[in-house]
Amino acid sequence: KDRLYAFGGVVDEDISDEYLNGVCMNDLFELNLEKLSSWKSVSSGTEQKPNGRYNTGLAIVGKELVLFGGLVELGDAEVALDDIWSIPIDKA
């Protein structure tokens, strides 16, 4: 309740003056909207975690955070994902 979640993202690493390498992250963060103090890292609660990605769809269904798709960078290409993950957030 009263939480904002963010999953993944991409970090660009400078390889040379002309080339960036995008590294997709699979971190989950939570912001308490009542306190607005700071983002905190949240464990997925399981050993299996979604692969790193960005532009992911998120929805809260009951006590689960449902993650759908997103994009990953493979070389010079962006690849669309179509997987679905459910992450428990009742303990977050």
N, C-alpha and C. Protein backbone atom coordinates (compact mmCIF):
# COMPACT_ATOMS: atom_id res chain seq x y z
N LYS A 1 0.85 -1.19 0.00
CA LYS A 1 0.00 0.00 0.00
C LYS A 1 0.89 1.25 0.00
N ASP A 2 0.53 2.22 -0.79
CA ASP A 2 1.27 3.48 -0.86
C ASP A 2 2.75 3.28 -1.18
N ARG A 3 3.01 2.40 -2.14
CA ARG A 3 4.38 2.12 -2.55
C ARG A 3 4.50 2.32 -4.06
N LEU A 4 5.67 2.71 -4.49
CA LEU A 4 6.00 2.83 -5.90
C LEU A 4 7.17 1.88 -6.17
N TYR A 5 7.07 1.08 -7.24
CA TYR A 5 8.10 0.11 -7.55
C TYR A 5 8.76 0.44 -8.88
N ALA A 6 10.05 0.16 -8.97
CA ALA A 6 10.81 0.30 -10.22
C ALA A 6 11.66 -0.95 -10.38
N PHE A 7 11.65 -1.49 -11.61
CA PHE A 7 12.43 -2.69 -11.88
C PHE A 7 13.35 -2.44 -13.07
N GLY A 8 14.59 -2.91 -12.94
CA GLY A 8 15.52 -2.91 -14.06
C GLY A 8 16.04 -1.55 -14.44
N GLY A 9 16.34 -1.41 -15.70
CA GLY A 9 16.95 -0.21 -16.24
C GLY A 9 18.20 -0.59 -17.00
N VAL A 10 18.83 0.40 -17.57
CA VAL A 10 20.05 0.14 -18.34
C VAL A 10 21.11 1.15 -17.94
N VAL A 11 22.33 0.67 -17.83
CA VAL A 11 23.48 1.52 -17.52
C VAL A 11 24.41 1.47 -18.72
N ASP A 12 24.78 2.63 -19.23
CA ASP A 12 25.70 2.68 -20.36
C ASP A 12 27.14 2.74 -19.87
N GLU A 13 27.95 1.82 -20.37
CA GLU A 13 29.37 1.79 -20.04
C GLU A 13 30.15 2.29 -21.25
N ASP A 14 31.05 3.25 -21.02
CA ASP A 14 31.89 3.75 -22.10
C ASP A 14 32.94 2.70 -22.47
N ILE A 15 32.88 2.24 -23.70
CA ILE A 15 33.86 1.29 -24.21
C ILE A 15 34.99 2.04 -24.91
N SER A 16 34.60 3.06 -25.66
CA SER A 16 35.56 3.91 -26.35
C SER A 16 34.91 5.27 -26.57
N ASP A 17 35.60 6.17 -27.25
CA ASP A 17 35.03 7.48 -27.53
C ASP A 17 33.80 7.40 -28.43
N GLU A 18 33.68 6.31 -29.15
CA GLU A 18 32.59 6.19 -30.13
C GLU A 18 31.58 5.09 -29.80
N TYR A 19 31.77 4.36 -28.72
CA TYR A 19 30.91 3.22 -28.47
C TYR A 19 30.51 3.12 -27.00
N LEU A 20 29.21 2.92 -26.76
CA LEU A 20 28.68 2.65 -25.43
C LEU A 20 28.15 1.23 -25.39
N ASN A 21 28.35 0.56 -24.30
CA ASN A 21 27.80 -0.78 -24.09
C ASN A 21 26.70 -0.68 -23.04
N GLY A 22 25.47 -1.02 -23.42
CA GLY A 22 24.35 -0.98 -22.47
C GLY A 22 24.28 -2.25 -21.65
N VAL A 23 24.25 -2.11 -20.33
CA VAL A 23 24.13 -3.26 -19.43
C VAL A 23 22.76 -3.17 -18.76
N CYS A 24 21.91 -4.16 -19.01
CA CYS A 24 20.56 -4.18 -18.44
C CYS A 24 20.61 -4.71 -17.01
N MET A 25 19.90 -4.05 -16.13
CA MET A 25 19.89 -4.39 -14.71
C MET A 25 18.61 -5.16 -14.37
N ASN A 26 18.65 -5.94 -13.28
CA ASN A 26 17.44 -6.62 -12.81
C ASN A 26 17.19 -6.33 -11.34
N ASP A 27 17.45 -5.11 -10.93
CA ASP A 27 17.23 -4.69 -9.55
C ASP A 27 15.77 -4.27 -9.36
N LEU A 28 15.25 -4.50 -8.16
CA LEU A 28 13.90 -4.07 -7.80
C LEU A 28 14.01 -3.08 -6.65
N PHE A 29 13.38 -1.92 -6.82
CA PHE A 29 13.41 -0.88 -5.78
C PHE A 29 11.99 -0.47 -5.41
N GLU A 30 11.85 0.00 -4.17
CA GLU A 30 10.56 0.42 -3.64
C GLU A 30 10.71 1.79 -2.99
N LEU A 31 9.72 2.64 -3.20
CA LEU A 31 9.66 3.95 -2.55
C LEU A 31 8.38 4.01 -1.74
N ASN A 32 8.48 4.27 -0.45
CA ASN A 32 7.32 4.46 0.41
C ASN A 32 6.79 5.87 0.15
N LEU A 33 5.58 5.98 -0.41
CA LEU A 33 5.03 7.27 -0.79
C LEU A 33 4.56 8.10 0.40
N GLU A 34 4.40 7.47 1.55
CA GLU A 34 4.03 8.23 2.76
C GLU A 34 5.24 8.94 3.36
N LYS A 35 6.39 8.29 3.32
CA LYS A 35 7.60 8.85 3.92
C LYS A 35 8.44 9.62 2.91
N LEU A 36 8.43 9.19 1.65
CA LEU A 36 9.24 9.83 0.59
C LEU A 36 10.68 10.06 1.01
N SER A 37 11.22 9.12 1.77
CA SER A 37 12.59 9.29 2.26
C SER A 37 13.61 8.89 1.20
N SER A 38 13.63 7.63 0.82
CA SER A 38 14.58 7.19 -0.20
C SER A 38 14.13 5.84 -0.74
N TRP A 39 14.64 5.52 -1.92
CA TRP A 39 14.37 4.22 -2.53
C TRP A 39 15.11 3.15 -1.74
N LYS A 40 14.52 1.97 -1.60
CA LYS A 40 15.22 0.85 -0.96
C LYS A 40 15.18 -0.35 -1.89
N SER A 41 16.24 -1.11 -1.86
CA SER A 41 16.34 -2.32 -2.66
C SER A 41 15.45 -3.39 -2.04
N VAL A 42 14.74 -4.14 -2.89
CA VAL A 42 13.82 -5.17 -2.42
C VAL A 42 14.25 -6.50 -3.01
N SER A 43 14.29 -7.53 -2.18
CA SER A 43 14.62 -8.88 -2.65
C SER A 43 13.41 -9.46 -3.36
N SER A 44 13.65 -10.26 -4.38
CA SER A 44 12.55 -10.88 -5.11
C SER A 44 11.91 -12.01 -4.31
N GLY A 45 12.54 -12.44 -3.22
CA GLY A 45 11.99 -13.49 -2.38
C GLY A 45 12.24 -14.89 -2.89
N THR A 46 12.82 -15.01 -4.08
CA THR A 46 13.14 -16.33 -4.63
C THR A 46 14.55 -16.29 -5.21
N GLU A 47 15.09 -17.48 -5.46
CA GLU A 47 16.42 -17.53 -6.07
C GLU A 47 16.37 -17.14 -7.53
N GLN A 48 15.27 -17.47 -8.21
CA GLN A 48 15.12 -17.10 -9.62
C GLN A 48 14.69 -15.66 -9.72
N LYS A 49 15.35 -14.93 -10.61
CA LYS A 49 15.03 -13.52 -10.83
C LYS A 49 14.89 -13.29 -12.34
N PRO A 50 14.04 -12.35 -12.72
CA PRO A 50 13.96 -12.00 -14.14
C PRO A 50 15.30 -11.49 -14.64
N ASN A 51 15.56 -11.71 -15.92
CA ASN A 51 16.77 -11.14 -16.53
C ASN A 51 16.69 -9.63 -16.52
N GLY A 52 17.85 -8.98 -16.61
CA GLY A 52 17.89 -7.53 -16.69
C GLY A 52 17.13 -7.04 -17.92
N ARG A 53 16.52 -5.85 -17.80
CA ARG A 53 15.71 -5.28 -18.88
C ARG A 53 15.33 -3.85 -18.55
N TYR A 54 14.76 -3.17 -19.52
CA TYR A 54 14.20 -1.84 -19.30
C TYR A 54 12.89 -1.73 -20.06
N ASN A 55 12.13 -0.66 -19.80
CA ASN A 55 10.79 -0.46 -20.40
C ASN A 55 9.87 -1.64 -20.10
N THR A 56 9.86 -2.06 -18.85
CA THR A 56 9.08 -3.20 -18.39
C THR A 56 7.71 -2.74 -17.92
N GLY A 57 6.68 -3.53 -18.21
CA GLY A 57 5.35 -3.26 -17.67
C GLY A 57 5.24 -3.86 -16.28
N LEU A 58 4.69 -3.09 -15.32
CA LEU A 58 4.51 -3.57 -13.96
C LEU A 58 3.07 -3.36 -13.52
N ALA A 59 2.53 -4.29 -12.74
CA ALA A 59 1.19 -4.15 -12.15
C ALA A 59 1.20 -4.86 -10.81
N ILE A 60 0.41 -4.36 -9.89
CA ILE A 60 0.25 -5.03 -8.60
C ILE A 60 -1.07 -5.77 -8.63
N VAL A 61 -1.00 -7.09 -8.36
CA VAL A 61 -2.18 -7.94 -8.31
C VAL A 61 -2.16 -8.62 -6.95
N GLY A 62 -3.04 -8.19 -6.07
CA GLY A 62 -3.03 -8.72 -4.71
C GLY A 62 -1.73 -8.36 -4.02
N LYS A 63 -0.97 -9.36 -3.61
CA LYS A 63 0.31 -9.13 -2.94
C LYS A 63 1.47 -9.55 -3.83
N GLU A 64 1.27 -9.46 -5.13
CA GLU A 64 2.28 -9.82 -6.11
C GLU A 64 2.55 -8.64 -7.04
N LEU A 65 3.80 -8.45 -7.37
CA LEU A 65 4.19 -7.49 -8.40
C LEU A 65 4.37 -8.30 -9.68
N VAL A 66 3.57 -8.01 -10.69
CA VAL A 66 3.62 -8.74 -11.95
C VAL A 66 4.42 -7.91 -12.94
N LEU A 67 5.43 -8.54 -13.50
CA LEU A 67 6.34 -7.90 -14.44
C LEU A 67 6.13 -8.53 -15.81
N PHE A 68 5.94 -7.69 -16.84
CA PHE A 68 5.73 -8.20 -18.19
C PHE A 68 6.71 -7.58 -19.16
N GLY A 69 7.41 -8.45 -19.90
CA GLY A 69 8.23 -8.03 -21.03
C GLY A 69 9.29 -6.99 -20.71
N GLY A 70 9.55 -6.16 -21.70
CA GLY A 70 10.58 -5.14 -21.62
C GLY A 70 11.53 -5.30 -22.80
N LEU A 71 12.62 -4.59 -22.73
CA LEU A 71 13.63 -4.63 -23.79
C LEU A 71 14.99 -4.97 -23.20
N VAL A 72 15.81 -5.64 -24.01
CA VAL A 72 17.21 -5.88 -23.68
C VAL A 72 18.05 -5.44 -24.87
N GLU A 73 19.29 -5.09 -24.61
CA GLU A 73 20.20 -4.72 -25.68
C GLU A 73 21.14 -5.89 -25.95
N LEU A 74 21.17 -6.32 -27.19
CA LEU A 74 22.10 -7.37 -27.63
C LEU A 74 22.92 -6.80 -28.77
N GLY A 75 24.14 -6.38 -28.45
CA GLY A 75 24.96 -5.70 -29.45
C GLY A 75 24.33 -4.37 -29.80
N ASP A 76 24.09 -4.16 -31.08
CA ASP A 76 23.47 -2.92 -31.55
C ASP A 76 21.95 -3.02 -31.63
N ALA A 77 21.38 -4.15 -31.25
CA ALA A 77 19.95 -4.37 -31.41
C ALA A 77 19.22 -4.32 -30.06
N GLU A 78 17.97 -3.82 -30.09
CA GLU A 78 17.07 -3.93 -28.96
C GLU A 78 16.13 -5.10 -29.24
N VAL A 79 16.00 -5.98 -28.25
CA VAL A 79 15.16 -7.17 -28.41
C VAL A 79 14.01 -7.08 -27.41
N ALA A 80 12.78 -7.27 -27.91
CA ALA A 80 11.59 -7.24 -27.05
C ALA A 80 11.41 -8.59 -26.36
N LEU A 81 11.11 -8.54 -25.07
CA LEU A 81 10.84 -9.74 -24.28
C LEU A 81 9.33 -9.91 -24.13
N ASP A 82 8.86 -11.15 -23.97
CA ASP A 82 7.43 -11.38 -23.78
C ASP A 82 7.16 -12.31 -22.60
N ASP A 83 8.06 -12.32 -21.63
CA ASP A 83 7.89 -13.19 -20.47
C ASP A 83 7.12 -12.47 -19.36
N ILE A 84 6.59 -13.26 -18.43
CA ILE A 84 5.84 -12.74 -17.28
C ILE A 84 6.44 -13.33 -16.01
N TRP A 85 6.64 -12.44 -15.01
CA TRP A 85 7.17 -12.85 -13.72
C TRP A 85 6.23 -12.34 -12.63
N SER A 86 6.13 -13.09 -11.56
CA SER A 86 5.35 -12.67 -10.39
C SER A 86 6.29 -12.65 -9.19
N ILE A 87 6.37 -11.49 -8.54
CA ILE A 87 7.29 -11.31 -7.43
C ILE A 87 6.48 -10.95 -6.18
N PRO A 88 6.58 -11.74 -5.10
CA PRO A 88 5.82 -11.42 -3.87
C PRO A 88 6.32 -10.12 -3.26
N ILE A 89 5.38 -9.24 -2.90
CA ILE A 89 5.77 -7.96 -2.28
C ILE A 89 5.14 -7.79 -0.91
N ASP A 90 4.47 -8.81 -0.39
CA ASP A 90 3.81 -8.69 0.91
C ASP A 90 4.78 -8.54 2.05
N LYS A 91 6.05 -8.96 1.85
CA LYS A 91 7.06 -8.84 2.90
C LYS A 91 7.95 -7.64 2.68
N ALA A 92 7.76 -6.93 1.58
CA ALA A 92 8.63 -5.79 1.23
C ALA A 92 8.33 -4.61 2.12
